[in-house]
Amino acid sequence: MTPATFRKLALSLPEAYESSHLGHADFRVRKRIFATLAYPDIAWAMVKLTPAQQQFFVGAHPAVFTAVKGGWGLKGATNVKLRAATVAILRQPLEAAWKNVAPPSLAAAAFNRTTP
């Protein structure tokens, strides 16, 4: 996956928009970050999961996902190795990250299915 593909997928989510934080492109819904690009470098992205979601996706695709180092990783922040990712693999965790920060009413209206 390229950074452009990651960006397109993130921006396809309801009310998602691009901003920046600490020198990295980030993706937000209603001012809350759910993903970033180029963290820790251009080969990576990050999705903001819960610890349980992180455990599930890292277990399912260890070549694609890894916990961010330190405290953020313990809270669920999960790095995505872009080169190893595909749209099919990344869609569900990216939607989960979006749902984690979106207002419940918006999340319920946008997605009728549950994520891990």
PDB file of N, CA and C in Angstrom:
ATOM      1  N   MET A   1       0.843  -1.174   0.000  1.00  0.00           N
ATOM      2  CA  MET A   1       0.000   0.000   0.000  1.00  0.00           C
ATOM      3  C   MET A   1       0.888   1.236   0.000  1.00  0.00           C
ATOM      4  N   THR A   2       0.496   2.212  -0.738  1.00  0.00           N
ATOM      5  CA  THR A   2       1.220   3.478  -0.768  1.00  0.00           C
ATOM      6  C   THR A   2       0.601   4.446   0.243  1.00  0.00           C
ATOM      7  N   PRO A   3       1.341   5.494   0.623  1.00  0.00           N
ATOM      8  CA  PRO A   3       0.741   6.518   1.471  1.00  0.00           C
ATOM      9  C   PRO A   3      -0.515   7.130   0.826  1.00  0.00           C
ATOM     10  N   ALA A   4      -0.502   7.275  -0.487  1.00  0.00           N
ATOM     11  CA  ALA A   4      -1.677   7.834  -1.174  1.00  0.00           C
ATOM     12  C   ALA A   4      -2.896   6.936  -1.027  1.00  0.00           C
ATOM     13  N   THR A   5      -2.691   5.629  -1.079  1.00  0.00           N
ATOM     14  CA  THR A   5      -3.807   4.693  -0.904  1.00  0.00           C
ATOM     15  C   THR A   5      -4.318   4.736   0.529  1.00  0.00           C
ATOM     16  N   PHE A   6      -3.401   4.791   1.501  1.00  0.00           N
ATOM     17  CA  PHE A   6      -3.807   4.914   2.904  1.00  0.00           C
ATOM     18  C   PHE A   6      -4.636   6.178   3.090  1.00  0.00           C
ATOM     19  N   ARG A   7      -4.149   7.280   2.556  1.00  0.00           N
ATOM     20  CA  ARG A   7      -4.841   8.566   2.658  1.00  0.00           C
ATOM     21  C   ARG A   7      -6.251   8.466   2.065  1.00  0.00           C
ATOM     22  N   LYS A   8      -6.349   7.888   0.868  1.00  0.00           N
ATOM     23  CA  LYS A   8      -7.651   7.763   0.201  1.00  0.00           C
ATOM     24  C   LYS A   8      -8.611   6.917   1.036  1.00  0.00           C
ATOM     25  N   LEU A   9      -8.134   5.831   1.595  1.00  0.00           N
ATOM     26  CA  LEU A   9      -8.970   4.961   2.413  1.00  0.00           C
ATOM     27  C   LEU A   9      -9.422   5.684   3.690  1.00  0.00           C
ATOM     28  N   ALA A  10      -8.511   6.372   4.350  1.00  0.00           N
ATOM     29  CA  ALA A  10      -8.865   7.108   5.564  1.00  0.00           C
ATOM     30  C   ALA A  10      -9.888   8.202   5.265  1.00  0.00           C
ATOM     31  N   LEU A  11      -9.684   8.911   4.180  1.00  0.00           N
ATOM     32  CA  LEU A  11     -10.586  10.016   3.834  1.00  0.00           C
ATOM     33  C   LEU A  11     -11.929   9.542   3.294  1.00  0.00           C
ATOM     34  N   SER A  12     -12.053   8.257   2.996  1.00  0.00           N
ATOM     35  CA  SER A  12     -13.330   7.724   2.520  1.00  0.00           C
ATOM     36  C   SER A  12     -14.318   7.509   3.673  1.00  0.00           C
ATOM     37  N   LEU A  13     -13.849   7.591   4.898  1.00  0.00           N
ATOM     38  CA  LEU A  13     -14.727   7.388   6.052  1.00  0.00           C
ATOM     39  C   LEU A  13     -15.566   8.641   6.311  1.00  0.00           C
ATOM     40  N   PRO A  14     -16.763   8.487   6.840  1.00  0.00           N
ATOM     41  CA  PRO A  14     -17.668   9.627   7.029  1.00  0.00           C
ATOM     42  C   PRO A  14     -17.041  10.765   7.829  1.00  0.00           C
ATOM     43  N   GLU A  15     -17.153  11.952   7.296  1.00  0.00           N
ATOM     44  CA  GLU A  15     -16.679  13.190   7.916  1.00  0.00           C
ATOM     45  C   GLU A  15     -15.181  13.209   8.209  1.00  0.00           C
ATOM     46  N   ALA A  16     -14.413  12.299   7.637  1.00  0.00           N
ATOM     47  CA  ALA A  16     -12.967  12.280   7.858  1.00  0.00           C
ATOM     48  C   ALA A  16     -12.314  13.427   7.093  1.00  0.00           C
ATOM     49  N   TYR A  17     -11.300  13.996   7.699  1.00  0.00           N
ATOM     50  CA  TYR A  17     -10.522  15.038   7.024  1.00  0.00           C
ATOM     51  C   TYR A  17      -9.066  14.927   7.458  1.00  0.00           C
ATOM     52  N   GLU A  18      -8.193  15.503   6.642  1.00  0.00           N
ATOM     53  CA  GLU A  18      -6.757  15.458   6.913  1.00  0.00           C
ATOM     54  C   GLU A  18      -6.308  16.728   7.601  1.00  0.00           C
ATOM     55  N   SER A  19      -5.423  16.568   8.569  1.00  0.00           N
ATOM     56  CA  SER A  19      -4.813  17.670   9.281  1.00  0.00           C
ATOM     57  C   SER A  19      -3.357  17.282   9.537  1.00  0.00           C
ATOM     58  N   SER A  20      -2.713  17.865  10.534  1.00  0.00           N
ATOM     59  CA  SER A  20      -1.361  17.445  10.878  1.00  0.00           C
ATOM     60  C   SER A  20      -1.152  17.592  12.373  1.00  0.00           C
ATOM     61  N   HIS A  21      -0.230  16.785  12.882  1.00  0.00           N
ATOM     62  CA  HIS A  21       0.069  16.752  14.307  1.00  0.00           C
ATOM     63  C   HIS A  21       1.521  16.339  14.451  1.00  0.00           C
ATOM     64  N   LEU A  22       2.311  17.149  15.121  1.00  0.00           N
ATOM     65  CA  LEU A  22       3.727  16.855  15.352  1.00  0.00           C
ATOM     66  C   LEU A  22       4.479  16.531  14.064  1.00  0.00           C
ATOM     67  N   GLY A  23       4.131  17.223  12.983  1.00  0.00           N
ATOM     68  CA  GLY A  23       4.824  17.049  11.716  1.00  0.00           C
ATOM     69  C   GLY A  23       4.375  15.867  10.885  1.00  0.00           C
ATOM     70  N   HIS A  24       3.314  15.196  11.293  1.00  0.00           N
ATOM     71  CA  HIS A  24       2.794  14.043  10.561  1.00  0.00           C
ATOM     72  C   HIS A  24       1.384  14.347  10.075  1.00  0.00           C
ATOM     73  N   ALA A  25       1.058  13.869   8.877  1.00  0.00           N
ATOM     74  CA  ALA A  25      -0.321  13.967   8.415  1.00  0.00           C
ATOM     75  C   ALA A  25      -1.171  13.093   9.327  1.00  0.00           C
ATOM     76  N   ASP A  26      -2.319  13.623   9.734  1.00  0.00           N
ATOM     77  CA  ASP A  26      -3.231  12.806  10.519  1.00  0.00           C
ATOM     78  C   ASP A  26      -4.626  12.889   9.923  1.00  0.00           C
ATOM     79  N   PHE A  27      -5.466  11.974  10.375  1.00  0.00           N
ATOM     80  CA  PHE A  27      -6.830  11.880   9.873  1.00  0.00           C
ATOM     81  C   PHE A  27      -7.753  11.934  11.068  1.00  0.00           C
ATOM     82  N   ARG A  28      -8.771  12.778  10.947  1.00  0.00           N
ATOM     83  CA  ARG A  28      -9.632  13.069  12.087  1.00  0.00           C
ATOM     84  C   ARG A  28     -11.104  12.966  11.697  1.00  0.00           C
ATOM     85  N   VAL A  29     -11.899  12.767  12.724  1.00  0.00           N
ATOM     86  CA  VAL A  29     -13.343  12.893  12.609  1.00  0.00           C
ATOM     87  C   VAL A  29     -13.763  13.772  13.784  1.00  0.00           C
ATOM     88  N   ARG A  30     -14.433  14.859  13.476  1.00  0.00           N
ATOM     89  CA  ARG A  30     -14.877  15.819  14.500  1.00  0.00           C
ATOM     90  C   ARG A  30     -13.749  16.173  15.466  1.00  0.00           C
ATOM     91  N   LYS A  31     -12.608  16.532  14.901  1.00  0.00           N
ATOM     92  CA  LYS A  31     -11.414  17.019  15.611  1.00  0.00           C
ATOM     93  C   LYS A  31     -10.641  15.958  16.387  1.00  0.00           C
ATOM     94  N   ARG A  32     -11.018  14.684  16.267  1.00  0.00           N
ATOM     95  CA  ARG A  32     -10.323  13.623  17.003  1.00  0.00           C
ATOM     96  C   ARG A  32      -9.545  12.749  16.028  1.00  0.00           C
ATOM     97  N   ILE A  33      -8.273  12.513  16.340  1.00  0.00           N
ATOM     98  CA  ILE A  33      -7.379  11.736  15.475  1.00  0.00           C
ATOM     99  C   ILE A  33      -7.706  10.249  15.570  1.00  0.00           C
ATOM    100  N   PHE A  34      -7.824   9.609  14.387  1.00  0.00           N
ATOM    101  CA  PHE A  34      -7.995   8.154  14.367  1.00  0.00           C
ATOM    102  C   PHE A  34      -6.867   7.449  13.627  1.00  0.00           C
ATOM    103  N   ALA A  35      -6.048   8.182  12.868  1.00  0.00           N
ATOM    104  CA  ALA A  35      -4.937   7.573  12.133  1.00  0.00           C
ATOM    105  C   ALA A  35      -3.916   8.650  11.774  1.00  0.00           C
ATOM    106  N   THR A  36      -2.681   8.211  11.544  1.00  0.00           N
ATOM    107  CA  THR A  36      -1.631   9.117  11.074  1.00  0.00           C
ATOM    108  C   THR A  36      -0.822   8.434   9.984  1.00  0.00           C
ATOM    109  N   LEU A  37      -0.140   9.243   9.210  1.00  0.00           N
ATOM    110  CA  LEU A  37       0.794   8.763   8.185  1.00  0.00           C
ATOM    111  C   LEU A  37       2.211   9.151   8.581  1.00  0.00           C
ATOM    112  N   ALA A  38       3.182   8.351   8.143  1.00  0.00           N
ATOM    113  CA  ALA A  38       4.610   8.637   8.337  1.00  0.00           C
ATOM    114  C   ALA A  38       5.014   8.638   9.803  1.00  0.00           C
ATOM    115  N   TYR A  39       4.439   7.730  10.573  1.00  0.00           N
ATOM    116  CA  TYR A  39       4.853   7.572  11.954  1.00  0.00           C
ATOM    117  C   TYR A  39       5.202   6.120  12.205  1.00  0.00           C
ATOM    118  N   PRO A  40       6.426   5.795  12.567  1.00  0.00           N
ATOM    119  CA  PRO A  40       7.520   6.689  12.924  1.00  0.00           C
ATOM    120  C   PRO A  40       8.309   7.240  11.732  1.00  0.00           C
ATOM    121  N   ASP A  41       8.128   6.666  10.530  1.00  0.00           N
ATOM    122  CA  ASP A  41       8.763   7.219   9.336  1.00  0.00           C
ATOM    123  C   ASP A  41       7.862   6.941   8.139  1.00  0.00           C
ATOM    124  N   ILE A  42       8.309   7.281   6.933  1.00  0.00           N
ATOM    125  CA  ILE A  42       7.447   7.213   5.754  1.00  0.00           C
ATOM    126  C   ILE A  42       6.993   5.809   5.370  1.00  0.00           C
ATOM    127  N   ALA A  43       7.615   4.798   5.945  1.00  0.00           N
ATOM    128  CA  ALA A  43       7.227   3.419   5.636  1.00  0.00           C
ATOM    129  C   ALA A  43       6.030   2.952   6.465  1.00  0.00           C
ATOM    130  N   TRP A  44       5.588   3.784   7.390  1.00  0.00           N
ATOM    131  CA  TRP A  44       4.580   3.378   8.361  1.00  0.00           C
ATOM    132  C   TRP A  44       3.400   4.338   8.433  1.00  0.00           C
ATOM    133  N   ALA A  45       2.315   3.829   8.988  1.00  0.00           N
ATOM    134  CA  ALA A  45       1.158   4.628   9.390  1.00  0.00           C
ATOM    135  C   ALA A  45       0.781   4.142  10.786  1.00  0.00           C
ATOM    136  N   MET A  46      -0.245   4.751  11.374  1.00  0.00           N
ATOM    137  CA  MET A  46      -0.704   4.351  12.699  1.00  0.00           C
ATOM    138  C   MET A  46      -2.222   4.433  12.719  1.00  0.00           C
ATOM    139  N   VAL A  47      -2.847   3.455  13.375  1.00  0.00           N
ATOM    140  CA  VAL A  47      -4.283   3.490  13.627  1.00  0.00           C
ATOM    141  C   VAL A  47      -4.502   3.438  15.132  1.00  0.00           C
ATOM    142  N   LYS A  48      -5.486   4.176  15.598  1.00  0.00           N
ATOM    143  CA  LYS A  48      -5.754   4.308  17.033  1.00  0.00           C
ATOM    144  C   LYS A  48      -6.813   3.287  17.441  1.00  0.00           C
ATOM    145  N   LEU A  49      -6.345   2.115  17.871  1.00  0.00           N
ATOM    146  CA  LEU A  49      -7.227   1.015  18.251  1.00  0.00           C
ATOM    147  C   LEU A  49      -7.338   0.918  19.768  1.00  0.00           C
ATOM    148  N   THR A  50      -8.226   0.059  20.233  1.00  0.00           N
ATOM    149  CA  THR A  50      -8.238  -0.308  21.648  1.00  0.00           C
ATOM    150  C   THR A  50      -7.199  -1.420  21.835  1.00  0.00           C
ATOM    151  N   PRO A  51      -6.764  -1.673  23.054  1.00  0.00           N
ATOM    152  CA  PRO A  51      -5.825  -2.781  23.249  1.00  0.00           C
ATOM    153  C   PRO A  51      -6.371  -4.130  22.739  1.00  0.00           C
ATOM    154  N   ALA A  52      -7.655  -4.392  22.925  1.00  0.00           N
ATOM    155  CA  ALA A  52      -8.234  -5.657  22.444  1.00  0.00           C
ATOM    156  C   ALA A  52      -8.227  -5.719  20.920  1.00  0.00           C
ATOM    157  N   GLN A  53      -8.570  -4.616  20.274  1.00  0.00           N
ATOM    158  CA  GLN A  53      -8.529  -4.574  18.806  1.00  0.00           C
ATOM    159  C   GLN A  53      -7.107  -4.761  18.315  1.00  0.00           C
ATOM    160  N   GLN A  54      -6.163  -4.088  18.972  1.00  0.00           N
ATOM    161  CA  GLN A  54      -4.755  -4.214  18.607  1.00  0.00           C
ATOM    162  C   GLN A  54      -4.308  -5.669  18.680  1.00  0.00           C
ATOM    163  N   GLN A  55      -4.633  -6.336  19.764  1.00  0.00           N
ATOM    164  CA  GLN A  55      -4.254  -7.739  19.936  1.00  0.00           C
ATOM    165  C   GLN A  55      -4.837  -8.588  18.806  1.00  0.00           C
ATOM    166  N   PHE A  56      -6.089  -8.341  18.451  1.00  0.00           N
ATOM    167  CA  PHE A  56      -6.732  -9.102  17.388  1.00  0.00           C
ATOM    168  C   PHE A  56      -6.030  -8.900  16.047  1.00  0.00           C
ATOM    169  N   PHE A  57      -5.817  -7.635  15.648  1.00  0.00           N
ATOM    170  CA  PHE A  57      -5.241  -7.367  14.330  1.00  0.00           C
ATOM    171  C   PHE A  57      -3.756  -7.737  14.247  1.00  0.00           C
ATOM    172  N   VAL A  58      -2.998  -7.524  15.310  1.00  0.00           N
ATOM    173  CA  VAL A  58      -1.593  -7.949  15.315  1.00  0.00           C
ATOM    174  C   VAL A  58      -1.522  -9.472  15.208  1.00  0.00           C
ATOM    175  N   GLY A  59      -2.398 -10.159  15.913  1.00  0.00           N
ATOM    176  CA  GLY A  59      -2.430 -11.616  15.832  1.00  0.00           C
ATOM    177  C   GLY A  59      -2.826 -12.133  14.460  1.00  0.00           C
ATOM    178  N   ALA A  60      -3.771 -11.442  13.825  1.00  0.00           N
ATOM    179  CA  ALA A  60      -4.252 -11.870  12.508  1.00  0.00           C
ATOM    180  C   ALA A  60      -3.260 -11.554  11.395  1.00  0.00           C
ATOM    181  N   HIS A  61      -2.530 -10.435  11.516  1.00  0.00           N
ATOM    182  CA  HIS A  61      -1.616  -9.990  10.450  1.00  0.00           C
ATOM    183  C   HIS A  61      -0.335  -9.412  11.057  1.00  0.00           C
ATOM    184  N   PRO A  62       0.518 -10.260  11.666  1.00  0.00           N
ATOM    185  CA  PRO A  62       1.721  -9.750  12.335  1.00  0.00           C
ATOM    186  C   PRO A  62       2.738  -9.106  11.390  1.00  0.00           C
ATOM    187  N   ALA A  63       2.680  -9.392  10.111  1.00  0.00           N
ATOM    188  CA  ALA A  63       3.595  -8.748   9.167  1.00  0.00           C
ATOM    189  C   ALA A  63       3.134  -7.329   8.822  1.00  0.00           C
ATOM    190  N   VAL A  64       1.895  -6.999   9.151  1.00  0.00           N
ATOM    191  CA  VAL A  64       1.329  -5.686   8.823  1.00  0.00           C
ATOM    192  C   VAL A  64       1.250  -4.781  10.053  1.00  0.00           C
ATOM    193  N   PHE A  65       0.826  -5.329  11.187  1.00  0.00           N
ATOM    194  CA  PHE A  65       0.550  -4.520  12.377  1.00  0.00           C
ATOM    195  C   PHE A  65       1.515  -4.833  13.506  1.00  0.00           C
ATOM    196  N   THR A  66       1.873  -3.802  14.263  1.00  0.00           N
ATOM    197  CA  THR A  66       2.686  -3.943  15.464  1.00  0.00           C
ATOM    198  C   THR A  66       2.315  -2.820  16.424  1.00  0.00           C
ATOM    199  N   ALA A  67       2.392  -3.080  17.705  1.00  0.00           N
ATOM    200  CA  ALA A  67       2.091  -2.049  18.693  1.00  0.00           C
ATOM    201  C   ALA A  67       3.124  -0.931  18.607  1.00  0.00           C
ATOM    202  N   VAL A  68       2.671   0.303  18.717  1.00  0.00           N
ATOM    203  CA  VAL A  68       3.577   1.443  18.826  1.00  0.00           C
ATOM    204  C   VAL A  68       4.376   1.250  20.110  1.00  0.00           C
ATOM    205  N   LYS A  69       5.643   1.611  20.096  1.00  0.00           N
ATOM    206  CA  LYS A  69       6.491   1.468  21.278  1.00  0.00           C
ATOM    207  C   LYS A  69       6.028   2.420  22.385  1.00  0.00           C
ATOM    208  N   GLY A  70       6.159   1.971  23.610  1.00  0.00           N
ATOM    209  CA  GLY A  70       5.866   2.812  24.764  1.00  0.00           C
ATOM    210  C   GLY A  70       4.404   2.828  25.173  1.00  0.00           C
ATOM    211  N   GLY A  71       4.060   3.846  25.918  1.00  0.00           N
ATOM    212  CA  GLY A  71       2.735   3.972  26.506  1.00  0.00           C
ATOM    213  C   GLY A  71       1.597   4.046  25.502  1.00  0.00           C
ATOM    214  N   TRP A  72       1.815   4.740  24.387  1.00  0.00           N
ATOM    215  CA  TRP A  72       0.759   4.825  23.374  1.00  0.00           C
ATOM    216  C   TRP A  72       0.402   3.441  22.847  1.00  0.00           C
ATOM    217  N   GLY A  73       1.397   2.609  22.653  1.00  0.00           N
ATOM    218  CA  GLY A  73       1.147   1.248  22.187  1.00  0.00           C
ATOM    219  C   GLY A  73       0.372   0.427  23.195  1.00  0.00           C
ATOM    220  N   LEU A  74       0.643   0.630  24.471  1.00  0.00           N
ATOM    221  CA  LEU A  74      -0.098  -0.083  25.512  1.00  0.00           C
ATOM    222  C   LEU A  74      -1.574   0.327  25.527  1.00  0.00           C
ATOM    223  N   LYS A  75      -1.852   1.533  25.044  1.00  0.00           N
ATOM    224  CA  LYS A  75      -3.238   2.016  24.982  1.00  0.00           C
ATOM    225  C   LYS A  75      -3.925   1.637  23.678  1.00  0.00           C
ATOM    226  N   GLY A  76      -3.196   0.986  22.754  1.00  0.00           N
ATOM    227  CA  GLY A  76      -3.816   0.513  21.519  1.00  0.00           C
ATOM    228  C   GLY A  76      -3.282   1.133  20.241  1.00  0.00           C
ATOM    229  N   ALA A  77      -2.460   2.172  20.335  1.00  0.00           N
ATOM    230  CA  ALA A  77      -1.896   2.761  19.120  1.00  0.00           C
ATOM    231  C   ALA A  77      -1.092   1.693  18.382  1.00  0.00           C
ATOM    232  N   THR A  78      -1.406   1.513  17.106  1.00  0.00           N
ATOM    233  CA  THR A  78      -0.881   0.383  16.341  1.00  0.00           C
ATOM    234  C   THR A  78      -0.260   0.849  15.035  1.00  0.00           C
ATOM    235  N   ASN A  79       1.017   0.518  14.834  1.00  0.00           N
ATOM    236  CA  ASN A  79       1.686   0.855  13.579  1.00  0.00           C
ATOM    237  C   ASN A  79       1.250  -0.080  12.464  1.00  0.00           C
ATOM    238  N   VAL A  80       1.209   0.468  11.256  1.00  0.00           N
ATOM    239  CA  VAL A  80       0.856  -0.273  10.046  1.00  0.00           C
ATOM    240  C   VAL A  80       2.047  -0.204   9.100  1.00  0.00           C
ATOM    241  N   LYS A  81       2.596  -1.341   8.735  1.00  0.00           N
ATOM    242  CA  LYS A  81       3.685  -1.380   7.753  1.00  0.00           C
ATOM    243  C   LYS A  81       3.039  -1.262   6.375  1.00  0.00           C
ATOM    244  N   LEU A  82       3.147  -0.099   5.767  1.00  0.00           N
ATOM    245  CA  LEU A  82       2.410   0.183   4.531  1.00  0.00           C
ATOM    246  C   LEU A  82       2.724  -0.814   3.425  1.00  0.00           C
ATOM    247  N   ARG A  83       3.978  -1.148   3.235  1.00  0.00           N
ATOM    248  CA  ARG A  83       4.363  -2.041   2.138  1.00  0.00           C
ATOM    249  C   ARG A  83       3.677  -3.403   2.243  1.00  0.00           C
ATOM    250  N   ALA A  84       3.410  -3.860   3.461  1.00  0.00           N
ATOM    251  CA  ALA A  84       2.791  -5.170   3.673  1.00  0.00           C
ATOM    252  C   ALA A  84       1.266  -5.111   3.703  1.00  0.00           C
ATOM    253  N   ALA A  85       0.706  -3.919   3.833  1.00  0.00           N
ATOM    254  CA  ALA A  85      -0.745  -3.765   3.969  1.00  0.00           C
ATOM    255  C   ALA A  85      -1.443  -3.799   2.620  1.00  0.00           C
ATOM    256  N   THR A  86      -2.689  -4.236   2.647  1.00  0.00           N
ATOM    257  CA  THR A  86      -3.578  -4.158   1.484  1.00  0.00           C
ATOM    258  C   THR A  86      -4.859  -3.480   1.933  1.00  0.00           C
ATOM    259  N   VAL A  87      -5.641  -3.029   0.985  1.00  0.00           N
ATOM    260  CA  VAL A  87      -6.926  -2.418   1.312  1.00  0.00           C
ATOM    261  C   VAL A  87      -7.794  -3.420   2.073  1.00  0.00           C
ATOM    262  N   ALA A  88      -7.804  -4.662   1.628  1.00  0.00           N
ATOM    263  CA  ALA A  88      -8.626  -5.686   2.279  1.00  0.00           C
ATOM    264  C   ALA A  88      -8.218  -5.899   3.740  1.00  0.00           C
ATOM    265  N   ILE A  89      -6.928  -5.863   4.021  1.00  0.00           N
ATOM    266  CA  ILE A  89      -6.447  -6.052   5.393  1.00  0.00           C
ATOM    267  C   ILE A  89      -6.682  -4.805   6.236  1.00  0.00           C
ATOM    268  N   LEU A  90      -6.499  -3.626   5.670  1.00  0.00           N
ATOM    269  CA  LEU A  90      -6.528  -2.393   6.447  1.00  0.00           C
ATOM    270  C   LEU A  90      -7.927  -1.815   6.648  1.00  0.00           C
ATOM    271  N   ARG A  91      -8.869  -2.136   5.796  1.00  0.00           N
ATOM    272  CA  ARG A  91     -10.194  -1.501   5.891  1.00  0.00           C
ATOM    273  C   ARG A  91     -10.825  -1.670   7.281  1.00  0.00           C
ATOM    274  N   GLN A  92     -10.877  -2.872   7.809  1.00  0.00           N
ATOM    275  CA  GLN A  92     -11.549  -3.102   9.093  1.00  0.00           C
ATOM    276  C   GLN A  92     -10.847  -2.398  10.263  1.00  0.00           C
ATOM    277  N   PRO A  93      -9.520  -2.490  10.421  1.00  0.00           N
ATOM    278  CA  PRO A  93      -8.908  -1.759  11.532  1.00  0.00           C
ATOM    279  C   PRO A  93      -9.000  -0.235  11.378  1.00  0.00           C
ATOM    280  N   LEU A  94      -8.972   0.263  10.161  1.00  0.00           N
ATOM    281  CA  LEU A  94      -9.122   1.704   9.966  1.00  0.00           C
ATOM    282  C   LEU A  94     -10.536   2.148  10.343  1.00  0.00           C
ATOM    283  N   GLU A  95     -11.528   1.363   9.964  1.00  0.00           N
ATOM    284  CA  GLU A  95     -12.907   1.668  10.370  1.00  0.00           C
ATOM    285  C   GLU A  95     -13.056   1.572  11.894  1.00  0.00           C
ATOM    286  N   ALA A  96     -12.412   0.594  12.514  1.00  0.00           N
ATOM    287  CA  ALA A  96     -12.466   0.457  13.972  1.00  0.00           C
ATOM    288  C   ALA A  96     -11.849   1.684  14.642  1.00  0.00           C
ATOM    289  N   ALA A  97     -10.708   2.143  14.128  1.00  0.00           N
ATOM    290  CA  ALA A  97     -10.053   3.327  14.680  1.00  0.00           C
ATOM    291  C   ALA A  97     -10.962   4.547  14.551  1.00  0.00           C
ATOM    292  N   TRP A  98     -11.617   4.685  13.399  1.00  0.00           N
ATOM    293  CA  TRP A  98     -12.555   5.791  13.183  1.00  0.00           C
ATOM    294  C   TRP A  98     -13.693   5.713  14.200  1.00  0.00           C
ATOM    295  N   LYS A  99     -14.273   4.516  14.352  1.00  0.00           N
ATOM    296  CA  LYS A  99     -15.383   4.321  15.297  1.00  0.00           C
ATOM    297  C   LYS A  99     -14.967   4.612  16.730  1.00  0.00           C
ATOM    298  N   ASN A 100     -13.720   4.333  17.063  1.00  0.00           N
ATOM    299  CA  ASN A 100     -13.241   4.550  18.429  1.00  0.00           C
ATOM    300  C   ASN A 100     -13.270   6.008  18.829  1.00  0.00           C
ATOM    301  N   VAL A 101     -13.165   6.920  17.885  1.00  0.00           N
ATOM    302  CA  VAL A 101     -13.125   8.344  18.235  1.00  0.00           C
ATOM    303  C   VAL A 101     -14.349   9.115  17.752  1.00  0.00           C
ATOM    304  N   ALA A 102     -15.132   8.551  16.857  1.00  0.00           N
ATOM    305  CA  ALA A 102     -16.316   9.239  16.346  1.00  0.00           C
ATOM    306  C   ALA A 102     -17.407   9.291  17.415  1.00  0.00           C
ATOM    307  N   PRO A 103     -18.234  10.323  17.387  1.00  0.00           N
ATOM    308  CA  PRO A 103     -19.369  10.338  18.314  1.00  0.00           C
ATOM    309  C   PRO A 103     -20.231   9.093  18.091  1.00  0.00           C
ATOM    310  N   PRO A 104     -20.745   8.503  19.162  1.00  0.00           N
ATOM    311  CA  PRO A 104     -21.526   7.264  19.026  1.00  0.00           C
ATOM    312  C   PRO A 104     -22.681   7.366  18.024  1.00  0.00           C
ATOM    313  N   SER A 105     -23.350   8.492  17.973  1.00  0.00           N
ATOM    314  CA  SER A 105     -24.474   8.624  17.041  1.00  0.00           C
ATOM    315  C   SER A 105     -23.995   8.591  15.589  1.00  0.00           C
ATOM    316  N   LEU A 106     -22.866   9.214  15.307  1.00  0.00           N
ATOM    317  CA  LEU A 106     -22.306   9.191  13.951  1.00  0.00           C
ATOM    318  C   LEU A 106     -21.819   7.786  13.609  1.00  0.00           C
ATOM    319  N   ALA A 107     -21.144   7.135  14.544  1.00  0.00           N
ATOM    320  CA  ALA A 107     -20.640   5.783  14.308  1.00  0.00           C
ATOM    321  C   ALA A 107     -21.793   4.808  14.066  1.00  0.00           C
ATOM    322  N   ALA A 108     -22.853   4.921  14.842  1.00  0.00           N
ATOM    323  CA  ALA A 108     -23.999   4.025  14.674  1.00  0.00           C
ATOM    324  C   ALA A 108     -24.664   4.237  13.326  1.00  0.00           C
ATOM    325  N   ALA A 109     -24.759   5.470  12.896  1.00  0.00           N
ATOM    326  CA  ALA A 109     -25.385   5.765  11.609  1.00  0.00           C
ATOM    327  C   ALA A 109     -24.518   5.311  10.444  1.00  0.00           C
ATOM    328  N   ALA A 110     -23.194   5.355  10.620  1.00  0.00           N
ATOM    329  CA  ALA A 110     -22.278   5.060   9.523  1.00  0.00           C
ATOM    330  C   ALA A 110     -22.060   3.566   9.300  1.00  0.00           C
ATOM    331  N   PHE A 111     -22.010   2.807  10.393  1.00  0.00           N
ATOM    332  CA  PHE A 111     -21.679   1.387  10.301  1.00  0.00           C
ATOM    333  C   PHE A 111     -22.690   0.574  11.081  1.00  0.00           C
ATOM    334  N   ASN A 112     -23.307  -0.358  10.424  1.00  0.00           N
ATOM    335  CA  ASN A 112     -24.281  -1.223  11.067  1.00  0.00           C
ATOM    336  C   ASN A 112     -23.687  -2.538  11.530  1.00  0.00           C
ATOM    337  N   ARG A 113     -22.378  -2.729  11.289  1.00  0.00           N
ATOM    338  CA  ARG A 113     -21.731  -3.952  11.737  1.00  0.00           C
ATOM    339  C   ARG A 113     -20.794  -3.647  12.890  1.00  0.00           C
ATOM    340  N   THR A 114     -20.418  -4.663  13.612  1.00  0.00           N
ATOM    341  CA  THR A 114     -19.506  -4.485  14.738  1.00  0.00           C
ATOM    342  C   THR A 114     -18.103  -4.846  14.304  1.00  0.00           C
ATOM    343  N   THR A 115     -17.119  -4.290  15.001  1.00  0.00           N
ATOM    344  CA  THR A 115     -15.713  -4.619  14.764  1.00  0.00           C
ATOM    345  C   THR A 115     -15.140  -5.146  16.064  1.00  0.00           C
ATOM    346  N   PRO A 116     -14.065  -5.910  15.978  1.00  0.00           N
ATOM    347  CA  PRO A 116     -13.480  -6.480  17.197  1.00  0.00           C
ATOM    348  C   PRO A 116     -13.003  -5.413  18.163  1.00  0.00           C
TER     349      PRO A 116
END
